[in-house]
Protein backbone atom coordinates (compact mmCIF):
# COMPACT_ATOMS: atom_id res chain seq x y z
CA MET A 1 -29.71 62.03 55.78
CA THR A 2 -26.49 60.17 55.13
CA ALA A 3 -25.55 56.61 54.26
CA HIS A 4 -22.18 57.02 55.95
CA ARG A 5 -21.40 54.45 58.60
CA ASP A 6 -18.07 56.15 59.30
CA THR A 7 -19.26 59.55 60.55
CA PHE A 8 -15.83 61.21 60.87
CA ALA A 9 -16.52 63.80 58.15
CA ARG A 10 -20.10 64.53 59.19
CA GLN A 11 -19.04 65.14 62.79
CA ARG A 12 -16.61 67.81 61.60
CA LEU A 13 -19.11 69.91 59.65
CA PRO A 14 -20.00 73.34 61.04
CA PRO A 15 -23.28 73.57 62.96
CA GLU A 16 -26.37 73.43 60.73
CA SER A 17 -27.12 77.05 61.61
CA GLN A 18 -24.01 77.99 59.59
CA TRP A 19 -24.92 75.94 56.52
CA PRO A 20 -26.01 77.81 53.36
CA VAL A 21 -29.68 77.88 52.50
CA MET A 22 -30.31 75.37 49.72
CA ASP A 23 -33.30 75.77 47.41
CA TRP A 24 -34.16 72.43 45.83
CA SER A 25 -37.50 73.55 44.36
CA LEU A 26 -36.61 73.06 40.66
CA PRO A 27 -37.99 69.77 39.29
CA GLU A 28 -34.57 68.67 38.00
CA LEU A 29 -33.21 68.98 41.54
CA GLN A 30 -35.69 66.56 43.10
CA TYR A 31 -33.49 63.74 44.40
CA GLY A 32 -34.19 61.06 46.95
CA PRO A 33 -32.86 61.17 50.50
CA GLN A 34 -29.46 59.87 49.35
CA LEU A 35 -27.45 60.90 46.33
CA ASN A 36 -24.33 59.34 44.83
CA ALA A 37 -22.58 61.74 42.46
CA ALA A 38 -20.82 58.92 40.58
CA VAL A 39 -24.14 57.23 39.83
CA GLU A 40 -25.65 60.52 38.66
CA LEU A 41 -22.67 61.35 36.45
CA LEU A 42 -21.79 57.92 35.01
CA ASP A 43 -24.57 55.37 35.38
CA ASP A 44 -27.22 57.87 34.32
CA ALA A 45 -25.12 59.00 31.32
CA VAL A 46 -24.88 55.41 30.11
CA ALA A 47 -28.59 54.86 30.80
CA ARG A 48 -29.35 57.94 28.62
CA GLY A 49 -27.55 56.21 25.74
CA TRP A 50 -24.25 58.06 26.04
CA GLY A 51 -22.21 54.90 26.64
CA GLU A 52 -20.08 55.26 23.52
CA ARG A 53 -19.60 59.02 23.86
CA THR A 54 -16.19 60.20 24.93
CA ALA A 55 -16.01 60.92 28.66
CA ILE A 56 -12.26 61.51 29.00
CA ARG A 57 -9.61 62.46 26.46
CA PHE A 58 -5.91 62.07 27.13
CA PRO A 59 -2.72 62.01 25.06
CA GLY A 60 -2.91 58.87 23.00
CA GLY A 61 -6.56 58.02 23.47
CA SER A 62 -9.87 58.41 25.22
CA TRP A 63 -12.34 56.52 27.38
CA SER A 64 -16.06 56.33 26.72
CA TYR A 65 -18.66 56.70 29.45
CA SER A 66 -19.11 52.91 29.34
CA ARG A 67 -15.40 52.29 29.85
CA LEU A 68 -15.18 54.83 32.68
CA LEU A 69 -18.26 53.28 34.29
CA ALA A 70 -16.84 49.76 34.02
CA GLU A 71 -13.47 50.79 35.48
CA SER A 72 -15.03 52.77 38.32
CA ASN A 73 -17.36 49.87 39.15
CA ARG A 74 -14.36 47.54 39.24
CA VAL A 75 -12.51 49.91 41.60
CA ALA A 76 -15.60 50.25 43.83
CA ASN A 77 -15.96 46.46 44.01
CA VAL A 78 -12.31 46.00 44.95
CA LEU A 79 -12.58 48.70 47.60
CA THR A 80 -15.64 47.21 49.24
CA ARG A 81 -14.89 43.50 48.85
CA GLU A 82 -11.14 43.29 49.31
CA PHE A 83 -10.41 46.36 51.42
CA ARG A 84 -13.69 46.53 53.36
CA LEU A 85 -14.30 50.21 52.61
CA VAL A 86 -17.48 51.42 54.29
CA PRO A 87 -19.41 54.58 53.45
CA GLY A 88 -17.69 57.58 54.98
CA ASN A 89 -14.16 56.16 54.95
CA ARG A 90 -11.60 58.53 53.52
CA VAL A 91 -9.38 57.33 50.65
CA LEU A 92 -6.31 59.27 49.57
CA LEU A 93 -5.79 59.45 45.80
CA ARG A 94 -2.29 60.09 44.44
CA GLY A 95 -1.32 60.14 40.80
CA PRO A 96 -1.24 62.23 37.65
CA ASN A 97 -4.44 63.53 36.11
CA ASN A 98 -5.34 60.62 33.87
CA ALA A 99 -8.22 58.29 33.11
CA MET A 100 -7.35 55.78 35.83
CA LEU A 101 -7.21 58.47 38.51
CA ALA A 102 -10.68 59.57 37.37
CA ALA A 103 -11.89 55.95 37.57
CA CYS A 104 -10.47 55.71 41.10
CA TRP A 105 -12.20 58.96 42.09
CA PHE A 106 -15.55 57.73 40.77
CA GLY A 107 -14.93 54.27 42.28
CA VAL A 108 -14.37 55.74 45.74
CA LEU A 109 -17.60 57.76 45.40
CA LYS A 110 -19.54 54.73 44.17
CA ALA A 111 -18.35 52.79 47.23
CA GLY A 112 -19.54 55.62 49.48
CA GLY A 113 -16.06 56.80 50.35
CA ILE A 114 -14.71 60.32 50.58
CA CYS A 115 -11.86 61.23 48.24
CA VAL A 116 -8.87 63.00 49.69
CA THR A 117 -7.19 64.09 46.49
CA THR A 118 -3.56 65.11 46.35
CA MET A 119 -1.13 66.56 43.87
CA PRO A 120 1.81 64.48 42.68
CA LEU A 121 4.19 67.27 43.78
CA LEU A 122 3.37 66.89 47.48
CA ARG A 123 6.13 65.50 49.65
CA ALA A 124 5.94 62.92 52.43
CA ARG A 125 5.53 65.40 55.27
CA GLU A 126 2.60 67.10 53.52
CA LEU A 127 0.99 63.77 52.65
CA ALA A 128 1.46 62.54 56.23
CA PHE A 129 -0.25 65.66 57.56
CA MET A 130 -3.23 65.07 55.26
CA CYS A 131 -3.47 61.41 56.29
CA GLU A 132 -3.36 62.27 59.99
CA LYS A 133 -5.79 65.20 59.72
CA ALA A 134 -8.37 63.27 57.67
CA GLU A 135 -7.67 59.93 59.38
CA VAL A 136 -7.01 58.25 56.04
CA HIS A 137 -6.44 54.51 56.36
CA LEU A 138 -6.30 53.61 52.65
CA ALA A 139 -4.59 55.21 49.65
CA LEU A 140 -4.85 54.50 45.94
CA CYS A 141 -1.60 55.47 44.26
CA ASP A 142 -0.25 55.37 40.71
CA HIS A 143 2.70 52.96 40.83
CA ARG A 144 5.03 55.75 39.64
CA PHE A 145 4.26 57.97 42.65
CA THR A 146 4.64 55.60 45.61
CA GLU A 147 8.01 56.66 47.04
CA GLU A 148 6.85 59.82 48.85
CA LEU A 149 3.61 58.12 49.94
CA GLU A 150 5.51 55.19 51.44
CA HIS A 151 7.66 57.67 53.35
CA ALA A 152 4.48 59.46 54.47
CA GLN A 153 3.12 56.13 55.71
CA ARG A 154 6.12 55.80 58.02
CA LEU A 155 5.42 59.33 59.34
CA ALA A 156 1.67 58.74 59.64
CA PRO A 157 0.93 55.17 60.77
CA VAL A 158 -2.80 55.92 60.48
CA LEU A 159 -2.28 55.18 56.75
CA GLU A 160 -2.56 51.41 56.96
CA ARG A 161 -2.60 50.43 53.29
CA ILE A 162 -1.34 51.76 49.98
CA VAL A 163 -2.92 50.13 46.93
CA ARG A 164 -1.02 50.68 43.71
CA TYR A 165 -2.53 50.94 40.24
CA GLY A 166 -0.97 50.96 36.80
CA GLY A 167 1.94 48.84 35.67
CA ASN A 168 0.20 45.51 36.46
CA THR A 169 -0.19 46.20 40.19
CA GLU A 170 -2.76 45.36 42.88
CA LEU A 171 -5.69 47.40 41.54
CA ASP A 172 -5.11 46.26 37.95
CA LYS A 173 -5.95 42.60 38.62
């Protein structure tokens, strides 16, 4: 069962006969019909009392589970309210490995989206190919890495919107 309203990804899975056999018989693997990884990894960690524990370390600081949860919830709310993301939509993520990229990744998952993660070294042509292949309409991009993505947008008009974060940009408000 899926909550996805945008069924692009599901329609491109191999036939069920080719899926691996999954054994969910262990008690700790008993989930409901729908599962959100971000909720399991963040919300449940905070509910267990881990809110002040360090979730992410980076040069110059760290974020607690509570901070990561708050930031990812904020991103998820912006995605669904302002950008009308629906479950199953693909969102391209572009930026360095840092706390805000992690918050964006969790935020996309919380909103029901599918993350299309990229490396900052990719060039416009490679990014455009990814956008076209995955039919990505929205990208979240660190403000320092927009140049190649803007060029990719010209090559792949399917990418309708680039939302910048960091440096007091759109996603920071």
